[in-house]
Amino acid sequence: MSEMKVQKKAGVLFLVLWLAAILSAAFPVPGSCADSSASSGGSFPYRFPKPVTVAGLELEMRQTSQDSFLSLLVYSSLGERRPEGSVCTGDTVMTVYPDGSVQSRVTAVIPGDLTGCGAPTPKACELIYASLLEDASLSENQLAAGDLNRNGMIDTADLLALKKTLAGSA
């Protein structure tokens, strides 16, 4: 991928995080982190285009942020700090100033990651299939991660897209 495309994608991520900060101030939603500085304020879903790591996000932030003092914090859906590894569906991703104030906060949605491991898995196919048969209900985060065709619901097209992704043909 060219450096220009990488910079453009990183710029888009920074813009989304910045917009989330403005919107969360206007429309607060309960946070999901155990840390008191992390749980004050709201969080909006942000759909990443593909699986991403904490280190990858930190690199993007450093390359695009005008504020070199910002830090990136990622918390699992259980409120545990995730300093490395994959960002998972349901994680809270924040940019924070040195004084601890939150500049932006989003809830990560990774396409196909219904299990919260950071990537699509065969178990995600089972969950979608069970939900289609009405044998299982999915959380809001799972619904967002499972709606691969982005039509607002999980359907057989999403199941097929996930199977193709896992087979490497998508």
N, C-alpha and C. Protein backbone atom coordinates (compact mmCIF):
# COMPACT_ATOMS: atom_id res chain seq x y z
N MET A 1 0.85 -1.17 0.00
CA MET A 1 0.00 0.00 0.00
C MET A 1 0.90 1.23 0.00
N SER A 2 0.55 2.22 -0.78
CA SER A 2 1.39 3.39 -0.87
C SER A 2 1.32 4.21 0.41
N GLU A 3 2.38 4.99 0.64
CA GLU A 3 2.44 5.82 1.84
C GLU A 3 1.31 6.85 1.85
N MET A 4 0.93 7.33 0.67
CA MET A 4 -0.15 8.31 0.57
C MET A 4 -1.48 7.70 1.02
N LYS A 5 -1.76 6.45 0.63
CA LYS A 5 -3.00 5.79 1.04
C LYS A 5 -3.01 5.55 2.55
N VAL A 6 -1.85 5.17 3.12
CA VAL A 6 -1.75 4.95 4.56
C VAL A 6 -2.02 6.26 5.30
N GLN A 7 -1.43 7.37 4.81
CA GLN A 7 -1.64 8.66 5.45
C GLN A 7 -3.10 9.08 5.36
N LYS A 8 -3.75 8.81 4.22
CA LYS A 8 -5.15 9.18 4.05
C LYS A 8 -6.02 8.39 5.03
N LYS A 9 -5.78 7.08 5.17
CA LYS A 9 -6.56 6.26 6.11
C LYS A 9 -6.32 6.71 7.55
N ALA A 10 -5.09 7.04 7.88
CA ALA A 10 -4.78 7.50 9.22
C ALA A 10 -5.47 8.83 9.49
N GLY A 11 -5.50 9.70 8.50
CA GLY A 11 -6.19 10.97 8.64
C GLY A 11 -7.67 10.79 8.87
N VAL A 12 -8.27 9.83 8.20
CA VAL A 12 -9.69 9.54 8.38
C VAL A 12 -9.94 9.05 9.80
N LEU A 13 -9.08 8.16 10.32
CA LEU A 13 -9.23 7.67 11.69
C LEU A 13 -9.14 8.82 12.68
N PHE A 14 -8.17 9.71 12.51
CA PHE A 14 -8.03 10.84 13.41
C PHE A 14 -9.28 11.71 13.37
N LEU A 15 -9.82 11.95 12.17
CA LEU A 15 -11.03 12.75 12.04
C LEU A 15 -12.21 12.10 12.76
N VAL A 16 -12.34 10.78 12.62
CA VAL A 16 -13.44 10.07 13.28
C VAL A 16 -13.30 10.18 14.80
N LEU A 17 -12.10 9.99 15.32
CA LEU A 17 -11.88 10.10 16.76
C LEU A 17 -12.16 11.52 17.24
N TRP A 18 -11.78 12.52 16.46
CA TRP A 18 -12.03 13.90 16.81
C TRP A 18 -13.53 14.18 16.83
N LEU A 19 -14.25 13.71 15.81
CA LEU A 19 -15.70 13.88 15.76
C LEU A 19 -16.38 13.17 16.93
N ALA A 20 -15.89 11.98 17.26
CA ALA A 20 -16.47 11.25 18.39
C ALA A 20 -16.32 12.05 19.68
N ALA A 21 -15.21 12.75 19.83
CA ALA A 21 -15.01 13.56 21.04
C ALA A 21 -16.04 14.68 21.11
N ILE A 22 -16.29 15.32 20.00
CA ILE A 22 -17.26 16.41 19.97
C ILE A 22 -18.67 15.87 20.22
N LEU A 23 -19.02 14.78 19.54
CA LEU A 23 -20.36 14.21 19.69
C LEU A 23 -20.59 13.65 21.08
N SER A 24 -19.57 13.02 21.66
CA SER A 24 -19.77 12.44 22.99
C SER A 24 -20.00 13.52 24.04
N ALA A 25 -19.45 14.69 23.83
CA ALA A 25 -19.72 15.79 24.75
C ALA A 25 -21.16 16.27 24.63
N ALA A 26 -21.69 16.24 23.41
CA ALA A 26 -23.06 16.70 23.18
C ALA A 26 -24.10 15.65 23.55
N PHE A 27 -23.79 14.37 23.34
CA PHE A 27 -24.73 13.28 23.58
C PHE A 27 -24.07 12.19 24.40
N PRO A 28 -23.89 12.38 25.72
CA PRO A 28 -23.19 11.39 26.51
C PRO A 28 -23.92 10.05 26.58
N VAL A 29 -23.14 8.99 26.49
CA VAL A 29 -23.62 7.61 26.59
C VAL A 29 -22.77 6.95 27.65
N PRO A 30 -23.32 6.10 28.52
CA PRO A 30 -22.51 5.46 29.55
C PRO A 30 -21.29 4.76 28.97
N GLY A 31 -20.12 4.92 29.60
CA GLY A 31 -18.90 4.26 29.14
C GLY A 31 -18.84 2.83 29.60
N SER A 32 -17.79 2.11 29.16
CA SER A 32 -17.69 0.70 29.51
C SER A 32 -16.39 0.35 30.21
N CYS A 33 -15.64 1.34 30.66
CA CYS A 33 -14.35 1.06 31.27
C CYS A 33 -14.43 1.15 32.79
N ALA A 34 -13.60 0.36 33.45
CA ALA A 34 -13.61 0.33 34.90
C ALA A 34 -12.91 1.55 35.49
N ASP A 35 -11.89 2.04 34.83
CA ASP A 35 -11.14 3.20 35.29
C ASP A 35 -12.06 4.42 35.32
N SER A 36 -12.04 5.19 36.42
CA SER A 36 -12.98 6.30 36.54
C SER A 36 -12.74 7.37 35.49
N SER A 37 -11.49 7.62 35.11
CA SER A 37 -11.25 8.61 34.07
C SER A 37 -11.70 8.07 32.72
N ALA A 38 -11.68 6.75 32.58
CA ALA A 38 -12.09 6.16 31.32
C ALA A 38 -13.59 6.02 31.21
N SER A 39 -14.29 5.91 32.34
CA SER A 39 -15.71 5.63 32.27
C SER A 39 -16.57 6.88 32.30
N SER A 40 -15.99 8.05 32.51
CA SER A 40 -16.80 9.25 32.46
C SER A 40 -16.94 9.70 31.01
N GLY A 41 -18.15 10.03 30.60
CA GLY A 41 -18.38 10.46 29.24
C GLY A 41 -18.98 9.37 28.41
N GLY A 42 -19.05 9.58 27.10
CA GLY A 42 -19.73 8.64 26.23
C GLY A 42 -18.80 8.00 25.23
N SER A 43 -19.34 7.04 24.52
CA SER A 43 -18.58 6.31 23.53
C SER A 43 -19.50 5.96 22.37
N PHE A 44 -19.03 6.16 21.17
CA PHE A 44 -19.80 5.85 19.98
C PHE A 44 -19.11 4.74 19.21
N PRO A 45 -19.89 3.88 18.55
CA PRO A 45 -19.26 2.80 17.78
C PRO A 45 -18.44 3.37 16.62
N TYR A 46 -17.29 2.79 16.40
CA TYR A 46 -16.48 3.10 15.23
C TYR A 46 -16.13 1.79 14.55
N ARG A 47 -16.54 1.64 13.31
CA ARG A 47 -16.30 0.43 12.55
C ARG A 47 -14.94 0.53 11.85
N PHE A 48 -13.99 -0.24 12.33
CA PHE A 48 -12.69 -0.30 11.69
C PHE A 48 -12.85 -1.08 10.38
N PRO A 49 -12.10 -0.75 9.35
CA PRO A 49 -12.26 -1.46 8.07
C PRO A 49 -11.77 -2.91 8.11
N LYS A 50 -10.87 -3.20 9.05
CA LYS A 50 -10.30 -4.55 9.17
C LYS A 50 -9.69 -4.67 10.56
N PRO A 51 -9.27 -5.87 10.94
CA PRO A 51 -8.60 -6.02 12.24
C PRO A 51 -7.40 -5.08 12.38
N VAL A 52 -7.18 -4.62 13.60
CA VAL A 52 -6.13 -3.65 13.88
C VAL A 52 -5.53 -3.97 15.25
N THR A 53 -4.28 -3.58 15.44
CA THR A 53 -3.62 -3.78 16.73
C THR A 53 -3.49 -2.45 17.47
N VAL A 54 -3.24 -2.54 18.77
CA VAL A 54 -3.01 -1.34 19.57
C VAL A 54 -1.79 -0.60 19.03
N ALA A 55 -0.72 -1.33 18.72
CA ALA A 55 0.50 -0.70 18.19
C ALA A 55 0.22 -0.02 16.85
N GLY A 56 -0.59 -0.64 16.02
CA GLY A 56 -0.94 -0.05 14.73
C GLY A 56 -1.71 1.25 14.89
N LEU A 57 -2.63 1.28 15.85
CA LEU A 57 -3.38 2.52 16.11
C LEU A 57 -2.48 3.60 16.68
N GLU A 58 -1.57 3.21 17.57
CA GLU A 58 -0.64 4.19 18.14
C GLU A 58 0.21 4.82 17.04
N LEU A 59 0.69 4.00 16.10
CA LEU A 59 1.48 4.50 14.99
C LEU A 59 0.66 5.47 14.13
N GLU A 60 -0.58 5.10 13.80
CA GLU A 60 -1.44 5.99 13.02
C GLU A 60 -1.65 7.32 13.74
N MET A 61 -1.88 7.26 15.06
CA MET A 61 -2.11 8.47 15.82
C MET A 61 -0.87 9.37 15.79
N ARG A 62 0.29 8.78 15.96
CA ARG A 62 1.54 9.57 15.95
C ARG A 62 1.77 10.23 14.59
N GLN A 63 1.38 9.54 13.52
CA GLN A 63 1.61 10.06 12.17
C GLN A 63 0.60 11.15 11.78
N THR A 64 -0.58 11.15 12.40
CA THR A 64 -1.62 12.08 11.96
C THR A 64 -1.98 13.15 12.97
N SER A 65 -1.68 12.94 14.24
CA SER A 65 -2.12 13.88 15.27
C SER A 65 -1.27 15.14 15.24
N GLN A 66 -1.94 16.27 15.40
CA GLN A 66 -1.24 17.54 15.53
C GLN A 66 -0.78 17.75 16.97
N ASP A 67 -1.29 16.94 17.88
CA ASP A 67 -0.99 17.07 19.30
C ASP A 67 -0.09 15.91 19.73
N SER A 68 1.20 16.18 19.88
CA SER A 68 2.17 15.12 20.21
C SER A 68 2.04 14.64 21.65
N PHE A 69 1.23 15.32 22.48
CA PHE A 69 1.08 14.93 23.87
C PHE A 69 -0.02 13.91 24.09
N LEU A 70 -0.81 13.60 23.06
CA LEU A 70 -1.90 12.64 23.21
C LEU A 70 -1.36 11.22 23.41
N SER A 71 -2.08 10.48 24.24
CA SER A 71 -1.78 9.05 24.43
C SER A 71 -2.99 8.26 23.97
N LEU A 72 -2.75 7.02 23.58
CA LEU A 72 -3.83 6.12 23.18
C LEU A 72 -4.04 5.11 24.29
N LEU A 73 -5.29 4.93 24.71
CA LEU A 73 -5.63 3.92 25.70
C LEU A 73 -6.71 3.02 25.11
N VAL A 74 -6.55 1.72 25.31
CA VAL A 74 -7.55 0.76 24.87
C VAL A 74 -7.93 -0.08 26.08
N TYR A 75 -9.25 -0.19 26.31
CA TYR A 75 -9.78 -0.99 27.40
C TYR A 75 -10.68 -2.07 26.82
N SER A 76 -10.58 -3.27 27.37
CA SER A 76 -11.44 -4.36 26.94
C SER A 76 -12.87 -4.07 27.37
N SER A 77 -13.80 -4.85 26.88
CA SER A 77 -15.21 -4.67 27.26
C SER A 77 -15.42 -4.95 28.75
N LEU A 78 -14.46 -5.61 29.39
CA LEU A 78 -14.54 -5.87 30.83
C LEU A 78 -13.88 -4.77 31.65
N GLY A 79 -13.34 -3.76 30.97
CA GLY A 79 -12.72 -2.64 31.66
C GLY A 79 -11.25 -2.81 31.95
N GLU A 80 -10.62 -3.86 31.43
CA GLU A 80 -9.19 -4.09 31.65
C GLU A 80 -8.39 -3.39 30.56
N ARG A 81 -7.31 -2.73 30.97
CA ARG A 81 -6.46 -2.03 30.00
C ARG A 81 -5.82 -3.04 29.06
N ARG A 82 -5.84 -2.71 27.78
CA ARG A 82 -5.23 -3.56 26.75
C ARG A 82 -4.04 -2.77 26.17
N PRO A 83 -2.83 -2.95 26.72
CA PRO A 83 -1.68 -2.17 26.25
C PRO A 83 -1.08 -2.66 24.94
N GLU A 84 -1.42 -3.88 24.54
CA GLU A 84 -0.86 -4.44 23.30
C GLU A 84 -1.83 -5.48 22.74
N GLY A 85 -1.51 -5.98 21.56
CA GLY A 85 -2.34 -7.01 20.94
C GLY A 85 -3.43 -6.42 20.08
N SER A 86 -4.40 -7.25 19.75
CA SER A 86 -5.50 -6.86 18.87
C SER A 86 -6.51 -5.98 19.57
N VAL A 87 -7.06 -5.04 18.82
CA VAL A 87 -8.23 -4.29 19.27
C VAL A 87 -9.42 -5.16 18.91
N CYS A 88 -10.33 -5.36 19.87
CA CYS A 88 -11.46 -6.28 19.69
C CYS A 88 -12.78 -5.54 19.68
N THR A 89 -13.77 -6.13 19.04
CA THR A 89 -15.11 -5.57 19.07
C THR A 89 -15.53 -5.40 20.53
N GLY A 90 -16.04 -4.22 20.85
CA GLY A 90 -16.45 -3.91 22.21
C GLY A 90 -15.41 -3.17 23.02
N ASP A 91 -14.16 -3.13 22.55
CA ASP A 91 -13.13 -2.38 23.26
C ASP A 91 -13.42 -0.89 23.17
N THR A 92 -13.01 -0.16 24.21
CA THR A 92 -13.10 1.29 24.21
C THR A 92 -11.73 1.82 23.83
N VAL A 93 -11.68 2.65 22.79
CA VAL A 93 -10.44 3.24 22.30
C VAL A 93 -10.52 4.74 22.58
N MET A 94 -9.51 5.25 23.31
CA MET A 94 -9.53 6.66 23.70
C MET A 94 -8.20 7.33 23.38
N THR A 95 -8.28 8.62 23.06
CA THR A 95 -7.10 9.46 23.03
C THR A 95 -7.20 10.36 24.26
N VAL A 96 -6.09 10.48 24.98
CA VAL A 96 -6.09 11.13 26.29
C VAL A 96 -4.93 12.12 26.38
N TYR A 97 -5.21 13.28 27.01
CA TYR A 97 -4.17 14.27 27.27
C TYR A 97 -3.38 13.87 28.51
N PRO A 98 -2.18 14.45 28.70
CA PRO A 98 -1.36 14.09 29.87
C PRO A 98 -2.06 14.30 31.22
N ASP A 99 -3.00 15.25 31.30
CA ASP A 99 -3.69 15.48 32.57
C ASP A 99 -4.81 14.46 32.83
N GLY A 100 -4.99 13.52 31.90
CA GLY A 100 -5.99 12.47 32.05
C GLY A 100 -7.32 12.78 31.40
N SER A 101 -7.48 13.99 30.87
CA SER A 101 -8.75 14.32 30.22
C SER A 101 -8.83 13.61 28.86
N VAL A 102 -10.02 13.15 28.55
CA VAL A 102 -10.24 12.37 27.33
C VAL A 102 -10.53 13.30 26.17
N GLN A 103 -9.75 13.15 25.10
CA GLN A 103 -9.96 13.94 23.90
C GLN A 103 -11.01 13.29 23.02
N SER A 104 -10.98 11.95 22.91
CA SER A 104 -11.97 11.23 22.12
C SER A 104 -12.14 9.82 22.66
N ARG A 105 -13.33 9.24 22.40
CA ARG A 105 -13.63 7.89 22.88
C ARG A 105 -14.56 7.24 21.87
N VAL A 106 -14.21 6.03 21.44
CA VAL A 106 -15.08 5.25 20.56
C VAL A 106 -15.11 3.80 21.03
N THR A 107 -16.17 3.10 20.66
CA THR A 107 -16.25 1.67 20.90
C THR A 107 -15.89 0.97 19.60
N ALA A 108 -14.89 0.10 19.64
CA ALA A 108 -14.41 -0.57 18.44
C ALA A 108 -15.40 -1.61 17.94
N VAL A 109 -15.56 -1.64 16.62
CA VAL A 109 -16.31 -2.69 15.95
C VAL A 109 -15.39 -3.21 14.84
N ILE A 110 -15.04 -4.49 14.94
CA ILE A 110 -14.18 -5.14 13.96
C ILE A 110 -15.07 -6.04 13.11
N PRO A 111 -15.15 -5.81 11.80
CA PRO A 111 -16.03 -6.63 10.96
C PRO A 111 -15.75 -8.13 11.12
N GLY A 112 -16.81 -8.89 11.44
CA GLY A 112 -16.69 -10.33 11.59
C GLY A 112 -16.26 -10.80 12.96
N ASP A 113 -15.88 -9.88 13.84
CA ASP A 113 -15.41 -10.23 15.18
C ASP A 113 -16.57 -10.28 16.17
N LEU A 114 -17.34 -11.34 16.13
CA LEU A 114 -18.47 -11.49 17.04
C LEU A 114 -18.04 -12.11 18.36
N THR A 115 -16.84 -12.66 18.43
CA THR A 115 -16.37 -13.32 19.64
C THR A 115 -15.51 -12.40 20.51
N GLY A 116 -15.18 -11.21 20.02
CA GLY A 116 -14.38 -10.28 20.81
C GLY A 116 -12.91 -10.64 20.89
N CYS A 117 -12.41 -11.35 19.87
CA CYS A 117 -11.00 -11.73 19.87
C CYS A 117 -10.17 -10.84 18.94
N GLY A 118 -10.83 -9.99 18.17
CA GLY A 118 -10.09 -9.06 17.30
C GLY A 118 -10.10 -9.42 15.83
N ALA A 119 -10.68 -10.57 15.47
CA ALA A 119 -10.70 -11.00 14.07
C ALA A 119 -11.87 -11.95 13.84
N PRO A 120 -12.27 -12.11 12.59
CA PRO A 120 -13.33 -13.08 12.29
C PRO A 120 -12.88 -14.50 12.63
N THR A 121 -13.82 -15.32 13.11
CA THR A 121 -13.52 -16.70 13.47
C THR A 121 -14.66 -17.61 13.03
N PRO A 122 -14.40 -18.92 12.93
CA PRO A 122 -15.49 -19.85 12.63
C PRO A 122 -16.61 -19.78 13.67
N LYS A 123 -16.28 -19.49 14.93
CA LYS A 123 -17.30 -19.35 15.97
C LYS A 123 -18.26 -18.22 15.63
N ALA A 124 -17.76 -17.17 14.98
CA ALA A 124 -18.63 -16.06 14.57
C ALA A 124 -19.68 -16.54 13.57
N CYS A 125 -19.29 -17.46 12.69
CA CYS A 125 -20.26 -18.05 11.75
C CYS A 125 -21.35 -18.79 12.52
N GLU A 126 -20.94 -19.54 13.53
CA GLU A 126 -21.91 -20.28 14.34
C GLU A 126 -22.88 -19.33 15.04
N LEU A 127 -22.36 -18.21 15.54
CA LEU A 127 -23.21 -17.24 16.22
C LEU A 127 -24.22 -16.60 15.26
N ILE A 128 -23.75 -16.25 14.07
CA ILE A 128 -24.66 -15.67 13.08
C ILE A 128 -25.73 -16.69 12.69
N TYR A 129 -25.30 -17.91 12.44
CA TYR A 129 -26.25 -18.96 12.06
C TYR A 129 -27.29 -19.16 13.17
N ALA A 130 -26.85 -19.22 14.41
CA ALA A 130 -27.78 -19.40 15.54
C ALA A 130 -28.74 -18.22 15.64
N SER A 131 -28.26 -17.02 15.38
CA SER A 131 -29.15 -15.86 15.45
C SER A 131 -30.17 -15.89 14.31
N LEU A 132 -29.76 -16.37 13.16
CA LEU A 132 -30.70 -16.48 12.03
C LEU A 132 -31.80 -17.50 12.33
N LEU A 133 -31.45 -18.55 13.07
CA LEU A 133 -32.43 -19.56 13.46
C LEU A 133 -33.20 -19.15 14.72
N GLU A 134 -32.85 -17.96 15.25
CA GLU A 134 -33.45 -17.43 16.47
C GLU A 134 -33.16 -18.32 17.68
N ASP A 135 -32.04 -19.05 17.63
CA ASP A 135 -31.59 -19.86 18.75
C ASP A 135 -30.68 -19.07 19.69
N ALA A 136 -30.27 -17.89 19.25
CA ALA A 136 -29.38 -17.05 20.06
C ALA A 136 -29.66 -15.59 19.74
N SER A 137 -29.50 -14.76 20.76
CA SER A 137 -29.60 -13.32 20.53
C SER A 137 -28.20 -12.74 20.64
N LEU A 138 -27.94 -11.72 19.85
CA LEU A 138 -26.62 -11.12 19.81
C LEU A 138 -26.65 -9.76 20.50
N SER A 139 -25.52 -9.40 21.10
CA SER A 139 -25.40 -8.08 21.72
C SER A 139 -25.34 -7.01 20.63
N GLU A 140 -25.46 -5.78 21.04
CA GLU A 140 -25.39 -4.66 20.09
C GLU A 140 -24.05 -4.66 19.36
N ASN A 141 -22.95 -4.91 20.09
CA ASN A 141 -21.63 -4.95 19.45
C ASN A 141 -21.52 -6.11 18.47
N GLN A 142 -22.06 -7.27 18.83
CA GLN A 142 -22.04 -8.42 17.93
C GLN A 142 -22.86 -8.14 16.67
N LEU A 143 -23.99 -7.50 16.84
CA LEU A 143 -24.81 -7.15 15.68
C LEU A 143 -24.05 -6.22 14.73
N ALA A 144 -23.37 -5.23 15.30
CA ALA A 144 -22.60 -4.29 14.48
C ALA A 144 -21.45 -5.01 13.76
N ALA A 145 -20.77 -5.91 14.46
CA ALA A 145 -19.65 -6.64 13.85
C ALA A 145 -20.12 -7.66 12.82
N GLY A 146 -21.31 -8.20 13.01
CA GLY A 146 -21.83 -9.23 12.11
C GLY A 146 -22.53 -8.70 10.88
N ASP A 147 -22.87 -7.42 10.88
CA ASP A 147 -23.55 -6.81 9.73
C ASP A 147 -22.51 -6.41 8.68
N LEU A 148 -21.98 -7.40 8.00
CA LEU A 148 -20.87 -7.16 7.07
C LEU A 148 -21.29 -6.39 5.83
N ASN A 149 -22.54 -6.54 5.39
CA ASN A 149 -22.97 -5.80 4.21
C ASN A 149 -23.59 -4.45 4.57
N ARG A 150 -23.61 -4.14 5.86
CA ARG A 150 -24.02 -2.84 6.40
C ARG A 150 -25.41 -2.42 5.96
N ASN A 151 -26.35 -3.39 5.99
CA ASN A 151 -27.73 -3.07 5.65
C ASN A 151 -28.61 -2.90 6.89
N GLY A 152 -27.99 -2.88 8.06
CA GLY A 152 -28.72 -2.63 9.29
C GLY A 152 -29.25 -3.86 9.99
N MET A 153 -28.97 -5.04 9.46
CA MET A 153 -29.42 -6.28 10.10
C MET A 153 -28.47 -7.41 9.71
N ILE A 154 -28.54 -8.48 10.48
CA ILE A 154 -27.75 -9.66 10.14
C ILE A 154 -28.64 -10.60 9.34
N ASP A 155 -28.14 -10.99 8.18
CA ASP A 155 -28.90 -11.88 7.31
C ASP A 155 -27.96 -12.92 6.69
N THR A 156 -28.51 -13.75 5.82
CA THR A 156 -27.71 -14.82 5.22
C THR A 156 -26.57 -14.27 4.36
N ALA A 157 -26.74 -13.07 3.81
CA ALA A 157 -25.65 -12.47 3.04
C ALA A 157 -24.44 -12.20 3.93
N ASP A 158 -24.69 -11.81 5.18
CA ASP A 158 -23.58 -11.59 6.12
C ASP A 158 -22.87 -12.90 6.45
N LEU A 159 -23.66 -13.96 6.64
CA LEU A 159 -23.07 -15.27 6.91
C LEU A 159 -22.20 -15.71 5.75
N LEU A 160 -22.69 -15.53 4.54
CA LEU A 160 -21.92 -15.91 3.35
C LEU A 160 -20.64 -15.08 3.24
N ALA A 161 -20.75 -13.78 3.48
CA ALA A 161 -19.57 -12.90 3.42
C ALA A 161 -18.53 -13.31 4.45
N LEU A 162 -18.99 -13.66 5.65
CA LEU A 162 -18.05 -14.09 6.69
C LEU A 162 -17.38 -15.40 6.31
N LYS A 163 -18.14 -16.34 5.76
CA LYS A 163 -17.55 -17.61 5.33
C LYS A 163 -16.53 -17.38 4.23
N LYS A 164 -16.82 -16.48 3.30
CA LYS A 164 -15.86 -16.16 2.23
C LYS A 164 -14.59 -15.52 2.81
N THR A 165 -14.77 -14.64 3.78
CA THR A 165 -13.61 -14.01 4.41
C THR A 165 -12.73 -15.06 5.08
N LEU A 166 -13.35 -15.99 5.80
CA LEU A 166 -12.59 -17.03 6.49
C LEU A 166 -11.92 -17.98 5.52
N ALA A 167 -12.54 -18.18 4.36
CA ALA A 167 -11.96 -19.06 3.34
C ALA A 167 -10.87 -18.35 2.54
N GLY A 168 -10.77 -17.03 2.73
CA GLY A 168 -9.75 -16.27 2.01
C GLY A 168 -10.16 -15.86 0.61
N SER A 169 -11.45 -15.94 0.31
CA SER A 169 -11.89 -15.61 -1.04
C SER A 169 -12.67 -14.31 -1.11
N ALA A 170 -12.68 -13.55 -0.02
CA ALA A 170 -13.43 -12.28 -0.03
C ALA A 170 -12.53 -11.13 -0.39
